[in-house]
């Protein structure tokens, strides 16, 4: 009878092995949760950047459309007509003096006295006319010429609108057009922005907490409202275009250097070559402790090139050219440093 071999007794895991296994499992689960949380947060950030880029593209597209429909005043050359009028109004002063002296010699002292009194009356009437003309010049306010005006906080330009006969409402029904036609003044600014231009004086009764606003009103009606102090309800209510925008800056490039403001009158009727637009947004981030912090995003910088062919307005004709040849370009964004877009082709 063969001897029986000793059988090995089966035993379970020790306590130390169980603790190590549980600890490793907990670490793996924590790493997996952190990876999922990081992926979700990165996806949210990427989605916010995409939404901001789309919003910037829409805002800049709206501004670019208004810029490419802008009009400027084409002054008529009246120098030849003025020279002709002056030539026809000239007279021989020497002959008039000789006639006056002969009449004075024939009439004697009485004529001299009459001439003296006439001279006094004439000087008095001339002074009265001069004073009245000065008062009229002081009381008359001339409106700005057509064109583009702007500061770092706002942009104002005059555009030409051709009103369509019919429009589609929200339900798709054809209704008569209610859009503004003719020469209109368009203004872009941030809510509670600076009021420096003439069109801004009629904005004082309307305030927005934040966001990009756009105002469009008929130029003549807006000029009348600024002079009479009419409320904005009768002229053109500013519309909140992008409430997500927290900061806004404009800069103007003339081909050699940048300017923080642009005035057509000071620039002798010249337009900028391009307009730079900077937009900022507010971003909310959650830290490791779960606290939400609000920070300002990096600026989105866009450069809108002005068209080489402008719409010149005269009293007889308004020629509308879209300037679409310079409207090409692309919009790109960066999730780390905002976006930089170049809208409008090179000149």
C-alpha atoms as a PDB file:
ATOM      1  CA  UNK A   1       0.000   0.000   0.000  1.00  0.00           C
ATOM      2  CA  UNK A   2       1.585   3.249  -1.202  1.00  0.00           C
ATOM      3  CA  UNK A   3       1.949   6.058   1.251  1.00  0.00           C
ATOM      4  CA  UNK A   4      -0.465   8.958   0.896  1.00  0.00           C
ATOM      5  CA  UNK A   5       1.008  12.217  -0.358  1.00  0.00           C
ATOM      6  CA  UNK A   6       0.430  15.255   1.791  1.00  0.00           C
ATOM      7  CA  UNK A   7      -2.267  17.542   0.324  1.00  0.00           C
ATOM      8  CA  UNK A   8      -1.652  21.328   0.154  1.00  0.00           C
ATOM      9  CA  UNK A   9      -4.261  23.220   2.030  1.00  0.00           C
ATOM     10  CA  UNK A  10      -5.978  26.097   0.064  1.00  0.00           C
ATOM     11  CA  UNK A  11      -6.003  29.468   1.794  1.00  0.00           C
ATOM     12  CA  UNK A  12      -7.545  32.897   1.011  1.00  0.00           C
ATOM     13  CA  UNK A  13      -6.032  36.382   0.630  1.00  0.00           C
ATOM     14  CA  UNK A  14      -4.447  37.923   3.591  1.00  0.00           C
ATOM     15  CA  UNK A  15      -5.676  41.183   5.055  1.00  0.00           C
ATOM     16  CA  UNK A  16      -2.739  43.093   3.647  1.00  0.00           C
ATOM     17  CA  UNK A  17      -3.424  41.806   0.159  1.00  0.00           C
ATOM     18  CA  UNK A  18      -7.065  42.814   0.385  1.00  0.00           C
ATOM     19  CA  UNK A  19      -6.139  46.305   1.562  1.00  0.00           C
ATOM     20  CA  UNK A  20      -3.642  46.733  -1.261  1.00  0.00           C
ATOM     21  CA  UNK A  21      -6.144  45.509  -3.845  1.00  0.00           C
ATOM     22  CA  UNK A  22      -8.833  47.877  -2.590  1.00  0.00           C
ATOM     23  CA  UNK A  23      -6.392  50.790  -2.523  1.00  0.00           C
ATOM     24  CA  UNK A  24      -5.278  50.153  -6.093  1.00  0.00           C
ATOM     25  CA  UNK A  25      -8.901  49.876  -7.211  1.00  0.00           C
ATOM     26  CA  UNK A  26      -9.750  53.190  -5.522  1.00  0.00           C
ATOM     27  CA  UNK A  27      -6.778  54.894  -7.163  1.00  0.00           C
ATOM     28  CA  UNK A  28      -7.784  53.581 -10.575  1.00  0.00           C
ATOM     29  CA  UNK A  29     -11.379  54.739 -10.091  1.00  0.00           C
ATOM     30  CA  UNK A  30     -10.194  58.191  -8.968  1.00  0.00           C
ATOM     31  CA  UNK A  31      -7.949  58.495 -11.995  1.00  0.00           C
ATOM     32  CA  UNK A  32     -10.799  57.441 -14.266  1.00  0.00           C
ATOM     33  CA  UNK A  33     -13.158  59.996 -12.679  1.00  0.00           C
ATOM     34  CA  UNK A  34     -10.540  62.742 -13.008  1.00  0.00           C
ATOM     35  CA  UNK A  35     -10.010  61.876 -16.655  1.00  0.00           C
ATOM     36  CA  UNK A  36     -13.742  61.987 -17.320  1.00  0.00           C
ATOM     37  CA  UNK A  37     -14.093  65.305 -15.476  1.00  0.00           C
ATOM     38  CA  UNK A  38     -11.178  66.781 -17.401  1.00  0.00           C
ATOM     39  CA  UNK A  39     -12.635  65.599 -20.676  1.00  0.00           C
ATOM     40  CA  UNK A  40     -16.034  67.078 -19.867  1.00  0.00           C
ATOM     41  CA  UNK A  41     -14.533  70.414 -18.791  1.00  0.00           C
ATOM     42  CA  UNK A  42     -12.389  70.586 -21.920  1.00  0.00           C
ATOM     43  CA  UNK A  43     -15.433  69.799 -24.042  1.00  0.00           C
ATOM     44  CA  UNK A  44     -17.376  72.595 -22.326  1.00  0.00           C
ATOM     45  CA  UNK A  45     -14.517  75.046 -22.866  1.00  0.00           C
ATOM     46  CA  UNK A  46     -14.212  74.048 -26.508  1.00  0.00           C
ATOM     47  CA  UNK A  47     -17.951  74.448 -27.004  1.00  0.00           C
ATOM     48  CA  UNK A  48     -17.843  77.907 -25.411  1.00  0.00           C
ATOM     49  CA  UNK A  49     -14.986  78.908 -27.703  1.00  0.00           C
ATOM     50  CA  UNK A  50     -16.873  77.683 -30.747  1.00  0.00           C
ATOM     51  CA  UNK A  51     -19.982  79.579 -29.670  1.00  0.00           C
ATOM     52  CA  UNK A  52     -17.925  82.719 -29.072  1.00  0.00           C
ATOM     53  CA  UNK A  53     -16.274  82.368 -32.472  1.00  0.00           C
ATOM     54  CA  UNK A  54     -19.670  82.011 -34.139  1.00  0.00           C
ATOM     55  CA  UNK A  55     -20.970  85.020 -32.239  1.00  0.00           C
ATOM     56  CA  UNK A  56     -17.928  87.057 -33.240  1.00  0.00           C
ATOM     57  CA  UNK A  57     -18.370  86.008 -36.854  1.00  0.00           C
ATOM     58  CA  UNK A  58     -22.009  87.095 -36.778  1.00  0.00           C
ATOM     59  CA  UNK A  59     -21.250  90.444 -35.132  1.00  0.00           C
ATOM     60  CA  UNK A  60     -18.404  91.228 -37.495  1.00  0.00           C
ATOM     61  CA  UNK A  61     -20.499  90.132 -40.462  1.00  0.00           C
ATOM     62  CA  UNK A  62     -23.189  92.604 -39.399  1.00  0.00           C
ATOM     63  CA  UNK A  63     -20.674  95.435 -39.010  1.00  0.00           C
ATOM     64  CA  UNK A  64     -18.995  94.527 -42.286  1.00  0.00           C
ATOM     65  CA  UNK A  65     -22.334  94.590 -44.119  1.00  0.00           C
ATOM     66  CA  UNK A  66     -23.061  98.068 -42.798  1.00  0.00           C
ATOM     67  CA  UNK A  67     -19.574  99.292 -43.684  1.00  0.00           C
ATOM     68  CA  UNK A  68     -19.868  98.007 -47.250  1.00  0.00           C
ATOM     69  CA  UNK A  69     -23.211  99.802 -47.647  1.00  0.00           C
ATOM     70  CA  UNK A  70     -21.842 103.054 -46.307  1.00  0.00           C
ATOM     71  CA  UNK A  71     -22.130 106.294 -48.224  1.00  0.00           C
ATOM     72  CA  UNK A  72     -19.978 109.398 -48.225  1.00  0.00           C
ATOM     73  CA  UNK A  73     -20.748 112.837 -49.537  1.00  0.00           C
ATOM     74  CA  UNK A  74     -19.191 113.734 -52.874  1.00  0.00           C
ATOM     75  CA  UNK A  75     -18.753 117.533 -52.802  1.00  0.00           C
ATOM     76  CA  UNK A  76     -19.402 119.308 -56.077  1.00  0.00           C
ATOM     77  CA  UNK A  77     -16.653 121.448 -57.586  1.00  0.00           C
ATOM     78  CA  UNK A  78     -18.142 124.955 -57.544  1.00  0.00           C
ATOM     79  CA  UNK A  79     -14.920 126.899 -58.073  1.00  0.00           C
ATOM     80  CA  UNK A  80     -15.664 127.589 -61.761  1.00  0.00           C
ATOM     81  CA  UNK A  81     -19.191 128.754 -60.986  1.00  0.00           C
ATOM     82  CA  UNK A  82     -17.931 131.027 -58.217  1.00  0.00           C
ATOM     83  CA  UNK A  83     -15.325 132.597 -60.488  1.00  0.00           C
ATOM     84  CA  UNK A  84     -17.962 133.211 -63.159  1.00  0.00           C
ATOM     85  CA  UNK A  85     -20.328 134.793 -60.646  1.00  0.00           C
ATOM     86  CA  UNK A  86     -17.593 137.040 -59.291  1.00  0.00           C
ATOM     87  CA  UNK A  87     -16.627 138.111 -62.809  1.00  0.00           C
ATOM     88  CA  UNK A  88     -20.218 139.037 -63.656  1.00  0.00           C
ATOM     89  CA  UNK A  89     -20.627 140.947 -60.399  1.00  0.00           C
ATOM     90  CA  UNK A  90     -17.563 143.141 -60.937  1.00  0.00           C
ATOM     91  CA  UNK A  91     -18.140 146.853 -61.713  1.00  0.00           C
ATOM     92  CA  UNK A  92     -16.014 149.941 -62.451  1.00  0.00           C
ATOM     93  CA  UNK A  93     -15.476 151.687 -59.130  1.00  0.00           C
ATOM     94  CA  UNK A  94     -13.647 154.657 -60.711  1.00  0.00           C
ATOM     95  CA  UNK A  95     -16.598 155.514 -62.979  1.00  0.00           C
ATOM     96  CA  UNK A  96     -18.988 155.432 -60.046  1.00  0.00           C
ATOM     97  CA  UNK A  97     -16.710 157.720 -58.068  1.00  0.00           C
ATOM     98  CA  UNK A  98     -16.541 160.217 -60.941  1.00  0.00           C
ATOM     99  CA  UNK A  99     -20.325 160.243 -61.293  1.00  0.00           C
ATOM    100  CA  UNK A 100     -20.731 160.747 -57.568  1.00  0.00           C
ATOM    101  CA  UNK A 101     -18.257 163.653 -57.498  1.00  0.00           C
ATOM    102  CA  UNK A 102     -19.948 165.467 -60.408  1.00  0.00           C
ATOM    103  CA  UNK A 103     -23.368 165.126 -58.813  1.00  0.00           C
ATOM    104  CA  UNK A 104     -22.022 166.386 -55.544  1.00  0.00           C
ATOM    105  CA  UNK A 105     -20.432 169.451 -57.185  1.00  0.00           C
ATOM    106  CA  UNK A 106     -23.727 170.366 -58.946  1.00  0.00           C
ATOM    107  CA  UNK A 107     -25.928 170.030 -55.909  1.00  0.00           C
ATOM    108  CA  UNK A 108     -23.641 171.916 -53.546  1.00  0.00           C
ATOM    109  CA  UNK A 109     -23.739 171.701 -49.821  1.00  0.00           C
ATOM    110  CA  UNK A 110     -27.182 170.162 -49.722  1.00  0.00           C
ATOM    111  CA  UNK A 111     -25.963 167.185 -51.710  1.00  0.00           C
ATOM    112  CA  UNK A 112     -22.993 166.850 -49.454  1.00  0.00           C
ATOM    113  CA  UNK A 113     -25.266 166.852 -46.453  1.00  0.00           C
ATOM    114  CA  UNK A 114     -27.512 164.279 -48.043  1.00  0.00           C
ATOM    115  CA  UNK A 115     -24.552 162.124 -48.909  1.00  0.00           C
ATOM    116  CA  UNK A 116     -23.338 162.366 -45.352  1.00  0.00           C
ATOM    117  CA  UNK A 117     -26.665 161.320 -43.928  1.00  0.00           C
ATOM    118  CA  UNK A 118     -26.945 158.514 -46.475  1.00  0.00           C
ATOM    119  CA  UNK A 119     -23.512 157.272 -45.536  1.00  0.00           C
ATOM    120  CA  UNK A 120     -24.494 157.217 -41.899  1.00  0.00           C
ATOM    121  CA  UNK A 121     -27.683 155.329 -42.636  1.00  0.00           C
ATOM    122  CA  UNK A 122     -25.855 152.935 -44.906  1.00  0.00           C
ATOM    123  CA  UNK A 123     -23.226 152.144 -42.292  1.00  0.00           C
ATOM    124  CA  UNK A 124     -25.922 151.614 -39.695  1.00  0.00           C
ATOM    125  CA  UNK A 125     -27.873 149.199 -41.880  1.00  0.00           C
ATOM    126  CA  UNK A 126     -24.701 147.367 -42.823  1.00  0.00           C
ATOM    127  CA  UNK A 127     -23.787 146.892 -39.161  1.00  0.00           C
ATOM    128  CA  UNK A 128     -27.307 145.659 -38.398  1.00  0.00           C
ATOM    129  CA  UNK A 129     -27.145 143.131 -41.227  1.00  0.00           C
ATOM    130  CA  UNK A 130     -23.731 141.956 -40.062  1.00  0.00           C
ATOM    131  CA  UNK A 131     -24.935 141.469 -36.484  1.00  0.00           C
ATOM    132  CA  UNK A 132     -28.080 139.644 -37.631  1.00  0.00           C
ATOM    133  CA  UNK A 133     -26.051 137.357 -39.872  1.00  0.00           C
ATOM    134  CA  UNK A 134     -23.685 136.582 -36.983  1.00  0.00           C
ATOM    135  CA  UNK A 135     -26.629 135.741 -34.729  1.00  0.00           C
ATOM    136  CA  UNK A 136     -28.085 133.498 -37.425  1.00  0.00           C
ATOM    137  CA  UNK A 137     -24.759 131.734 -37.895  1.00  0.00           C
ATOM    138  CA  UNK A 138     -24.505 131.120 -34.153  1.00  0.00           C
ATOM    139  CA  UNK A 139     -28.061 129.797 -33.892  1.00  0.00           C
ATOM    140  CA  UNK A 140     -27.728 127.527 -36.942  1.00  0.00           C
ATOM    141  CA  UNK A 141     -26.217 124.080 -36.268  1.00  0.00           C
ATOM    142  CA  UNK A 142     -24.760 122.300 -39.239  1.00  0.00           C
ATOM    143  CA  UNK A 143     -24.981 118.508 -39.260  1.00  0.00           C
ATOM    144  CA  UNK A 144     -21.997 116.306 -39.935  1.00  0.00           C
ATOM    145  CA  UNK A 145     -21.132 115.325 -43.493  1.00  0.00           C
ATOM    146  CA  UNK A 146     -21.928 111.783 -44.561  1.00  0.00           C
ATOM    147  CA  UNK A 147     -19.266 109.239 -43.768  1.00  0.00           C
ATOM    148  CA  UNK A 148     -17.681 107.345 -40.878  1.00  0.00           C
ATOM    149  CA  UNK A 149     -17.035 108.640 -37.367  1.00  0.00           C
ATOM    150  CA  UNK A 150     -15.803 106.724 -34.382  1.00  0.00           C
ATOM    151  CA  UNK A 151     -13.976 106.512 -31.088  1.00  0.00           C
ATOM    152  CA  UNK A 152     -12.595 103.552 -29.173  1.00  0.00           C
ATOM    153  CA  UNK A 153     -16.000 102.977 -27.566  1.00  0.00           C
ATOM    154  CA  UNK A 154     -18.365 103.442 -30.521  1.00  0.00           C
ATOM    155  CA  UNK A 155     -18.622 103.441 -34.290  1.00  0.00           C
ATOM    156  CA  UNK A 156     -21.006 105.571 -36.345  1.00  0.00           C
ATOM    157  CA  UNK A 157     -21.496 105.466 -40.099  1.00  0.00           C
ATOM    158  CA  UNK A 158     -24.075 106.484 -42.676  1.00  0.00           C
ATOM    159  CA  UNK A 159     -25.514 103.772 -44.914  1.00  0.00           C
ATOM    160  CA  UNK A 160     -27.886 103.707 -47.860  1.00  0.00           C
ATOM    161  CA  UNK A 161     -30.860 101.343 -47.617  1.00  0.00           C
ATOM    162  CA  UNK A 162     -33.099 100.223 -50.453  1.00  0.00           C
ATOM    163  CA  UNK A 163     -36.372  99.172 -48.852  1.00  0.00           C
ATOM    164  CA  UNK A 164     -37.894  96.022 -50.354  1.00  0.00           C
ATOM    165  CA  UNK A 165     -41.546  96.060 -51.308  1.00  0.00           C
ATOM    166  CA  UNK A 166     -42.483  93.054 -49.165  1.00  0.00           C
ATOM    167  CA  UNK A 167     -40.971  91.094 -46.285  1.00  0.00           C
ATOM    168  CA  UNK A 168     -41.600  87.766 -44.550  1.00  0.00           C
ATOM    169  CA  UNK A 169     -42.728  87.796 -40.942  1.00  0.00           C
ATOM    170  CA  UNK A 170     -41.943  85.158 -38.310  1.00  0.00           C
ATOM    171  CA  UNK A 171     -44.732  82.886 -39.583  1.00  0.00           C
ATOM    172  CA  UNK A 172     -43.611  83.093 -43.214  1.00  0.00           C
ATOM    173  CA  UNK A 173     -46.419  85.341 -44.404  1.00  0.00           C
ATOM    174  CA  UNK A 174     -45.735  88.127 -46.891  1.00  0.00           C
ATOM    175  CA  UNK A 175     -46.245  91.531 -45.284  1.00  0.00           C
ATOM    176  CA  UNK A 176     -45.446  95.096 -46.392  1.00  0.00           C
ATOM    177  CA  UNK A 177     -41.902  96.154 -45.634  1.00  0.00           C
ATOM    178  CA  UNK A 178     -41.274  98.178 -42.495  1.00  0.00           C
ATOM    179  CA  UNK A 179     -37.528  98.634 -42.883  1.00  0.00           C
ATOM    180  CA  UNK A 180     -35.890 102.025 -43.134  1.00  0.00           C
ATOM    181  CA  UNK A 181     -35.093 103.305 -46.611  1.00  0.00           C
ATOM    182  CA  UNK A 182     -32.845 106.102 -47.771  1.00  0.00           C
ATOM    183  CA  UNK A 183     -29.843 107.453 -45.852  1.00  0.00           C
ATOM    184  CA  UNK A 184     -29.663 106.000 -42.333  1.00  0.00           C
ATOM    185  CA  UNK A 185     -27.208 106.450 -39.491  1.00  0.00           C
ATOM    186  CA  UNK A 186     -25.971 103.255 -37.831  1.00  0.00           C
ATOM    187  CA  UNK A 187     -24.199 103.229 -34.491  1.00  0.00           C
ATOM    188  CA  UNK A 188     -22.426 100.423 -32.616  1.00  0.00           C
ATOM    189  CA  UNK A 189     -21.458 100.780 -28.975  1.00  0.00           C
ATOM    190  CA  UNK A 190     -21.358  98.952 -25.667  1.00  0.00           C
ATOM    191  CA  UNK A 191     -24.176  99.362 -23.168  1.00  0.00           C
ATOM    192  CA  UNK A 192     -23.670 102.509 -21.073  1.00  0.00           C
ATOM    193  CA  UNK A 193     -20.840 103.474 -23.404  1.00  0.00           C
ATOM    194  CA  UNK A 194     -19.442 106.936 -23.931  1.00  0.00           C
ATOM    195  CA  UNK A 195     -21.619 109.468 -25.741  1.00  0.00           C
ATOM    196  CA  UNK A 196     -19.271 111.589 -27.780  1.00  0.00           C
ATOM    197  CA  UNK A 197     -20.785 111.851 -31.236  1.00  0.00           C
ATOM    198  CA  UNK A 198     -23.835 113.778 -32.333  1.00  0.00           C
ATOM    199  CA  UNK A 199     -25.931 110.653 -32.758  1.00  0.00           C
ATOM    200  CA  UNK A 200     -25.157 109.625 -29.185  1.00  0.00           C
ATOM    201  CA  UNK A 201     -26.956 112.573 -27.613  1.00  0.00           C
ATOM    202  CA  UNK A 202     -30.290 110.933 -28.394  1.00  0.00           C
ATOM    203  CA  UNK A 203     -29.167 107.745 -26.633  1.00  0.00           C
ATOM    204  CA  UNK A 204     -29.066 109.264 -23.146  1.00  0.00           C
ATOM    205  CA  UNK A 205     -32.541 108.104 -22.222  1.00  0.00           C
ATOM    206  CA  UNK A 206     -31.752 104.456 -22.993  1.00  0.00           C
ATOM    207  CA  UNK A 207     -29.369 102.404 -20.858  1.00  0.00           C
ATOM    208  CA  UNK A 208     -28.319  98.767 -21.036  1.00  0.00           C
ATOM    209  CA  UNK A 209     -26.396  96.926 -18.344  1.00  0.00           C
ATOM    210  CA  UNK A 210     -23.963  95.311 -20.750  1.00  0.00           C
ATOM    211  CA  UNK A 211     -23.694  93.984 -24.264  1.00  0.00           C
ATOM    212  CA  UNK A 212     -23.197  95.232 -27.792  1.00  0.00           C
ATOM    213  CA  UNK A 213     -26.003  97.491 -28.987  1.00  0.00           C
ATOM    214  CA  UNK A 214     -26.864  98.662 -32.475  1.00  0.00           C
ATOM    215  CA  UNK A 215     -28.975 101.655 -33.398  1.00  0.00           C
ATOM    216  CA  UNK A 216     -30.252 102.524 -36.868  1.00  0.00           C
ATOM    217  CA  UNK A 217     -32.395 105.540 -37.623  1.00  0.00           C
ATOM    218  CA  UNK A 218     -33.159 107.806 -40.534  1.00  0.00           C
ATOM    219  CA  UNK A 219     -30.470 110.454 -40.771  1.00  0.00           C
ATOM    220  CA  UNK A 220     -32.803 113.436 -41.160  1.00  0.00           C
ATOM    221  CA  UNK A 221     -35.124 112.208 -38.419  1.00  0.00           C
ATOM    222  CA  UNK A 222     -32.202 111.556 -36.092  1.00  0.00           C
ATOM    223  CA  UNK A 223     -30.763 115.020 -36.718  1.00  0.00           C
ATOM    224  CA  UNK A 224     -34.163 116.523 -35.945  1.00  0.00           C
ATOM    225  CA  UNK A 225     -34.391 114.459 -32.737  1.00  0.00           C
ATOM    226  CA  UNK A 226     -30.966 115.646 -31.584  1.00  0.00           C
ATOM    227  CA  UNK A 227     -31.973 119.282 -32.110  1.00  0.00           C
ATOM    228  CA  UNK A 228     -35.408 119.013 -30.494  1.00  0.00           C
ATOM    229  CA  UNK A 229     -34.676 116.456 -27.765  1.00  0.00           C
ATOM    230  CA  UNK A 230     -37.225 113.944 -29.021  1.00  0.00           C
ATOM    231  CA  UNK A 231     -37.388 110.564 -27.271  1.00  0.00           C
ATOM    232  CA  UNK A 232     -35.830 107.545 -28.927  1.00  0.00           C
ATOM    233  CA  UNK A 233     -39.223 105.831 -29.290  1.00  0.00           C
ATOM    234  CA  UNK A 234     -39.949 108.114 -32.235  1.00  0.00           C
ATOM    235  CA  UNK A 235     -36.539 107.795 -33.890  1.00  0.00           C
ATOM    236  CA  UNK A 236     -35.040 104.339 -33.502  1.00  0.00           C
ATOM    237  CA  UNK A 237     -34.745 102.179 -30.421  1.00  0.00           C
ATOM    238  CA  UNK A 238     -31.243 100.721 -29.850  1.00  0.00           C
ATOM    239  CA  UNK A 239     -31.222  96.941 -30.146  1.00  0.00           C
ATOM    240  CA  UNK A 240     -29.175  94.617 -27.947  1.00  0.00           C
ATOM    241  CA  UNK A 241     -27.226  92.541 -30.470  1.00  0.00           C
ATOM    242  CA  UNK A 242     -24.842  90.517 -28.278  1.00  0.00           C
ATOM    243  CA  UNK A 243     -25.350  90.589 -24.489  1.00  0.00           C
ATOM    244  CA  UNK A 244     -22.346  88.261 -24.072  1.00  0.00           C
ATOM    245  CA  UNK A 245     -19.906  91.030 -25.032  1.00  0.00           C
ATOM    246  CA  UNK A 246     -18.393  92.729 -21.964  1.00  0.00           C
ATOM    247  CA  UNK A 247     -15.817  94.991 -23.624  1.00  0.00           C
ATOM    248  CA  UNK A 248     -15.585  96.594 -27.044  1.00  0.00           C
ATOM    249  CA  UNK A 249     -12.876  98.624 -28.752  1.00  0.00           C
ATOM    250  CA  UNK A 250     -12.489 100.144 -32.200  1.00  0.00           C
ATOM    251  CA  UNK A 251      -9.302 101.322 -33.868  1.00  0.00           C
ATOM    252  CA  UNK A 252      -8.838 102.930 -37.266  1.00  0.00           C
ATOM    253  CA  UNK A 253      -5.994 102.397 -39.720  1.00  0.00           C
ATOM    254  CA  UNK A 254      -5.162 104.906 -42.463  1.00  0.00           C
ATOM    255  CA  UNK A 255      -2.493 102.826 -44.185  1.00  0.00           C
ATOM    256  CA  UNK A 256       0.403 104.137 -42.100  1.00  0.00           C
ATOM    257  CA  UNK A 257      -0.676 104.220 -38.452  1.00  0.00           C
ATOM    258  CA  UNK A 258      -3.552 103.467 -36.126  1.00  0.00           C
ATOM    259  CA  UNK A 259      -5.874 106.021 -34.558  1.00  0.00           C
ATOM    260  CA  UNK A 260      -8.091 105.750 -31.505  1.00  0.00           C
ATOM    261  CA  UNK A 261     -10.722 108.001 -33.069  1.00  0.00           C
ATOM    262  CA  UNK A 262     -11.778 109.021 -36.565  1.00  0.00           C
ATOM    263  CA  UNK A 263     -13.525 112.219 -37.576  1.00  0.00           C
ATOM    264  CA  UNK A 264     -14.287 112.856 -41.241  1.00  0.00           C
ATOM    265  CA  UNK A 265     -14.130 116.609 -40.734  1.00  0.00           C
ATOM    266  CA  UNK A 266     -10.713 116.543 -39.056  1.00  0.00           C
ATOM    267  CA  UNK A 267      -9.413 114.017 -41.591  1.00  0.00           C
ATOM    268  CA  UNK A 268     -10.473 116.311 -44.476  1.00  0.00           C
ATOM    269  CA  UNK A 269     -13.119 113.922 -45.740  1.00  0.00           C
ATOM    270  CA  UNK A 270     -10.783 110.905 -45.841  1.00  0.00           C
ATOM    271  CA  UNK A 271     -11.888 107.427 -44.777  1.00  0.00           C
ATOM    272  CA  UNK A 272      -9.774 104.853 -42.923  1.00  0.00           C
ATOM    273  CA  UNK A 273      -8.349 101.941 -44.853  1.00  0.00           C
ATOM    274  CA  UNK A 274      -9.515  99.441 -42.237  1.00  0.00           C
ATOM    275  CA  UNK A 275     -11.326  99.249 -38.910  1.00  0.00           C
ATOM    276  CA  UNK A 276     -10.079  96.966 -36.128  1.00  0.00           C
ATOM    277  CA  UNK A 277     -12.698  95.503 -33.781  1.00  0.00           C
ATOM    278  CA  UNK A 278     -11.826  93.932 -30.416  1.00  0.00           C
ATOM    279  CA  UNK A 279     -14.383  91.941 -28.432  1.00  0.00           C
ATOM    280  CA  UNK A 280     -14.127  90.510 -24.919  1.00  0.00           C
ATOM    281  CA  UNK A 281     -16.355  87.941 -23.210  1.00  0.00           C
ATOM    282  CA  UNK A 282     -16.849  86.819 -19.609  1.00  0.00           C
ATOM    283  CA  UNK A 283     -15.797  83.254 -18.857  1.00  0.00           C
ATOM    284  CA  UNK A 284     -16.786  81.211 -15.788  1.00  0.00           C
ATOM    285  CA  UNK A 285     -14.401  78.526 -14.513  1.00  0.00           C
ATOM    286  CA  UNK A 286     -14.757  76.036 -11.665  1.00  0.00           C
ATOM    287  CA  UNK A 287     -11.628  75.308  -9.645  1.00  0.00           C
ATOM    288  CA  UNK A 288     -10.682  72.126  -7.779  1.00  0.00           C
ATOM    289  CA  UNK A 289     -12.613  73.216  -4.673  1.00  0.00           C
ATOM    290  CA  UNK A 290     -15.793  73.655  -6.705  1.00  0.00           C
ATOM    291  CA  UNK A 291     -15.775  77.454  -6.563  1.00  0.00           C
ATOM    292  CA  UNK A 292     -16.802  79.287  -9.726  1.00  0.00           C
ATOM    293  CA  UNK A 293     -14.543  82.165 -10.736  1.00  0.00           C
ATOM    294  CA  UNK A 294     -15.357  84.748 -13.392  1.00  0.00           C
ATOM    295  CA  UNK A 295     -12.563  85.896 -15.668  1.00  0.00           C
ATOM    296  CA  UNK A 296     -12.335  87.949 -18.823  1.00  0.00           C
ATOM    297  CA  UNK A 297     -11.515  86.100 -21.996  1.00  0.00           C
ATOM    298  CA  UNK A 298      -8.687  86.955 -24.320  1.00  0.00           C
ATOM    299  CA  UNK A 299      -9.732  89.520 -26.942  1.00  0.00           C
ATOM    300  CA  UNK A 300     -11.039  88.492 -30.311  1.00  0.00           C
ATOM    301  CA  UNK A 301      -9.389  90.779 -32.856  1.00  0.00           C
ATOM    302  CA  UNK A 302     -10.959  91.354 -36.274  1.00  0.00           C
ATOM    303  CA  UNK A 303      -9.836  93.686 -39.045  1.00  0.00           C
ATOM    304  CA  UNK A 304     -12.502  94.860 -41.488  1.00  0.00           C
ATOM    305  CA  UNK A 305     -11.062  96.256 -44.700  1.00  0.00           C
ATOM    306  CA  UNK A 306     -13.071  99.076 -46.190  1.00  0.00           C
ATOM    307  CA  UNK A 307     -14.076  98.693 -49.842  1.00  0.00           C
ATOM    308  CA  UNK A 308     -12.041 100.523 -52.436  1.00  0.00           C
ATOM    309  CA  UNK A 309     -15.209 101.729 -54.222  1.00  0.00           C
ATOM    310  CA  UNK A 310     -17.576 103.702 -52.036  1.00  0.00           C
ATOM    311  CA  UNK A 311     -21.155 104.802 -52.479  1.00  0.00           C
ATOM    312  CA  UNK A 312     -21.015 108.498 -53.277  1.00  0.00           C
ATOM    313  CA  UNK A 313     -24.112 110.467 -52.435  1.00  0.00           C
ATOM    314  CA  UNK A 314     -25.093 113.608 -54.305  1.00  0.00           C
ATOM    315  CA  UNK A 315     -28.269 115.622 -54.476  1.00  0.00           C
ATOM    316  CA  UNK A 316     -29.207 114.055 -57.821  1.00  0.00           C
ATOM    317  CA  UNK A 317     -28.067 110.460 -57.633  1.00  0.00           C
ATOM    318  CA  UNK A 318     -27.198 107.761 -55.135  1.00  0.00           C
ATOM    319  CA  UNK A 319     -25.117 105.048 -56.739  1.00  0.00           C
ATOM    320  CA  UNK A 320     -25.185 101.876 -54.700  1.00  0.00           C
ATOM    321  CA  UNK A 321     -22.199  99.567 -55.031  1.00  0.00           C
ATOM    322  CA  UNK A 322     -21.879  96.648 -52.698  1.00  0.00           C
ATOM    323  CA  UNK A 323     -18.076  96.509 -52.666  1.00  0.00           C
ATOM    324  CA  UNK A 324     -18.223  92.740 -52.444  1.00  0.00           C
ATOM    325  CA  UNK A 325     -14.818  92.375 -54.072  1.00  0.00           C
ATOM    326  CA  UNK A 326     -13.165  93.256 -50.777  1.00  0.00           C
ATOM    327  CA  UNK A 327     -15.539  91.378 -48.526  1.00  0.00           C
ATOM    328  CA  UNK A 328     -13.749  88.058 -48.710  1.00  0.00           C
ATOM    329  CA  UNK A 329     -11.876  86.615 -45.794  1.00  0.00           C
ATOM    330  CA  UNK A 330     -12.024  83.935 -43.155  1.00  0.00           C
ATOM    331  CA  UNK A 331     -12.747  83.733 -39.454  1.00  0.00           C
ATOM    332  CA  UNK A 332     -10.571  81.638 -37.200  1.00  0.00           C
ATOM    333  CA  UNK A 333     -10.466  81.209 -33.441  1.00  0.00           C
ATOM    334  CA  UNK A 334      -8.084  79.875 -30.817  1.00  0.00           C
ATOM    335  CA  UNK A 335      -9.320  78.238 -27.639  1.00  0.00           C
ATOM    336  CA  UNK A 336      -6.400  79.565 -25.609  1.00  0.00           C
ATOM    337  CA  UNK A 337      -5.934  83.141 -26.731  1.00  0.00           C
ATOM    338  CA  UNK A 338      -9.230  84.134 -28.235  1.00  0.00           C
ATOM    339  CA  UNK A 339      -9.608  84.443 -31.974  1.00  0.00           C
ATOM    340  CA  UNK A 340      -8.024  86.555 -34.643  1.00  0.00           C
ATOM    341  CA  UNK A 341     -10.085  87.115 -37.746  1.00  0.00           C
ATOM    342  CA  UNK A 342      -9.242  89.008 -40.877  1.00  0.00           C
ATOM    343  CA  UNK A 343     -12.462  90.000 -42.556  1.00  0.00           C
ATOM    344  CA  UNK A 344     -12.187  91.852 -45.803  1.00  0.00           C
ATOM    345  CA  UNK A 345      -9.583  91.100 -48.420  1.00  0.00           C
ATOM    346  CA  UNK A 346      -6.410  93.035 -48.974  1.00  0.00           C
ATOM    347  CA  UNK A 347      -6.659  96.288 -50.809  1.00  0.00           C
END
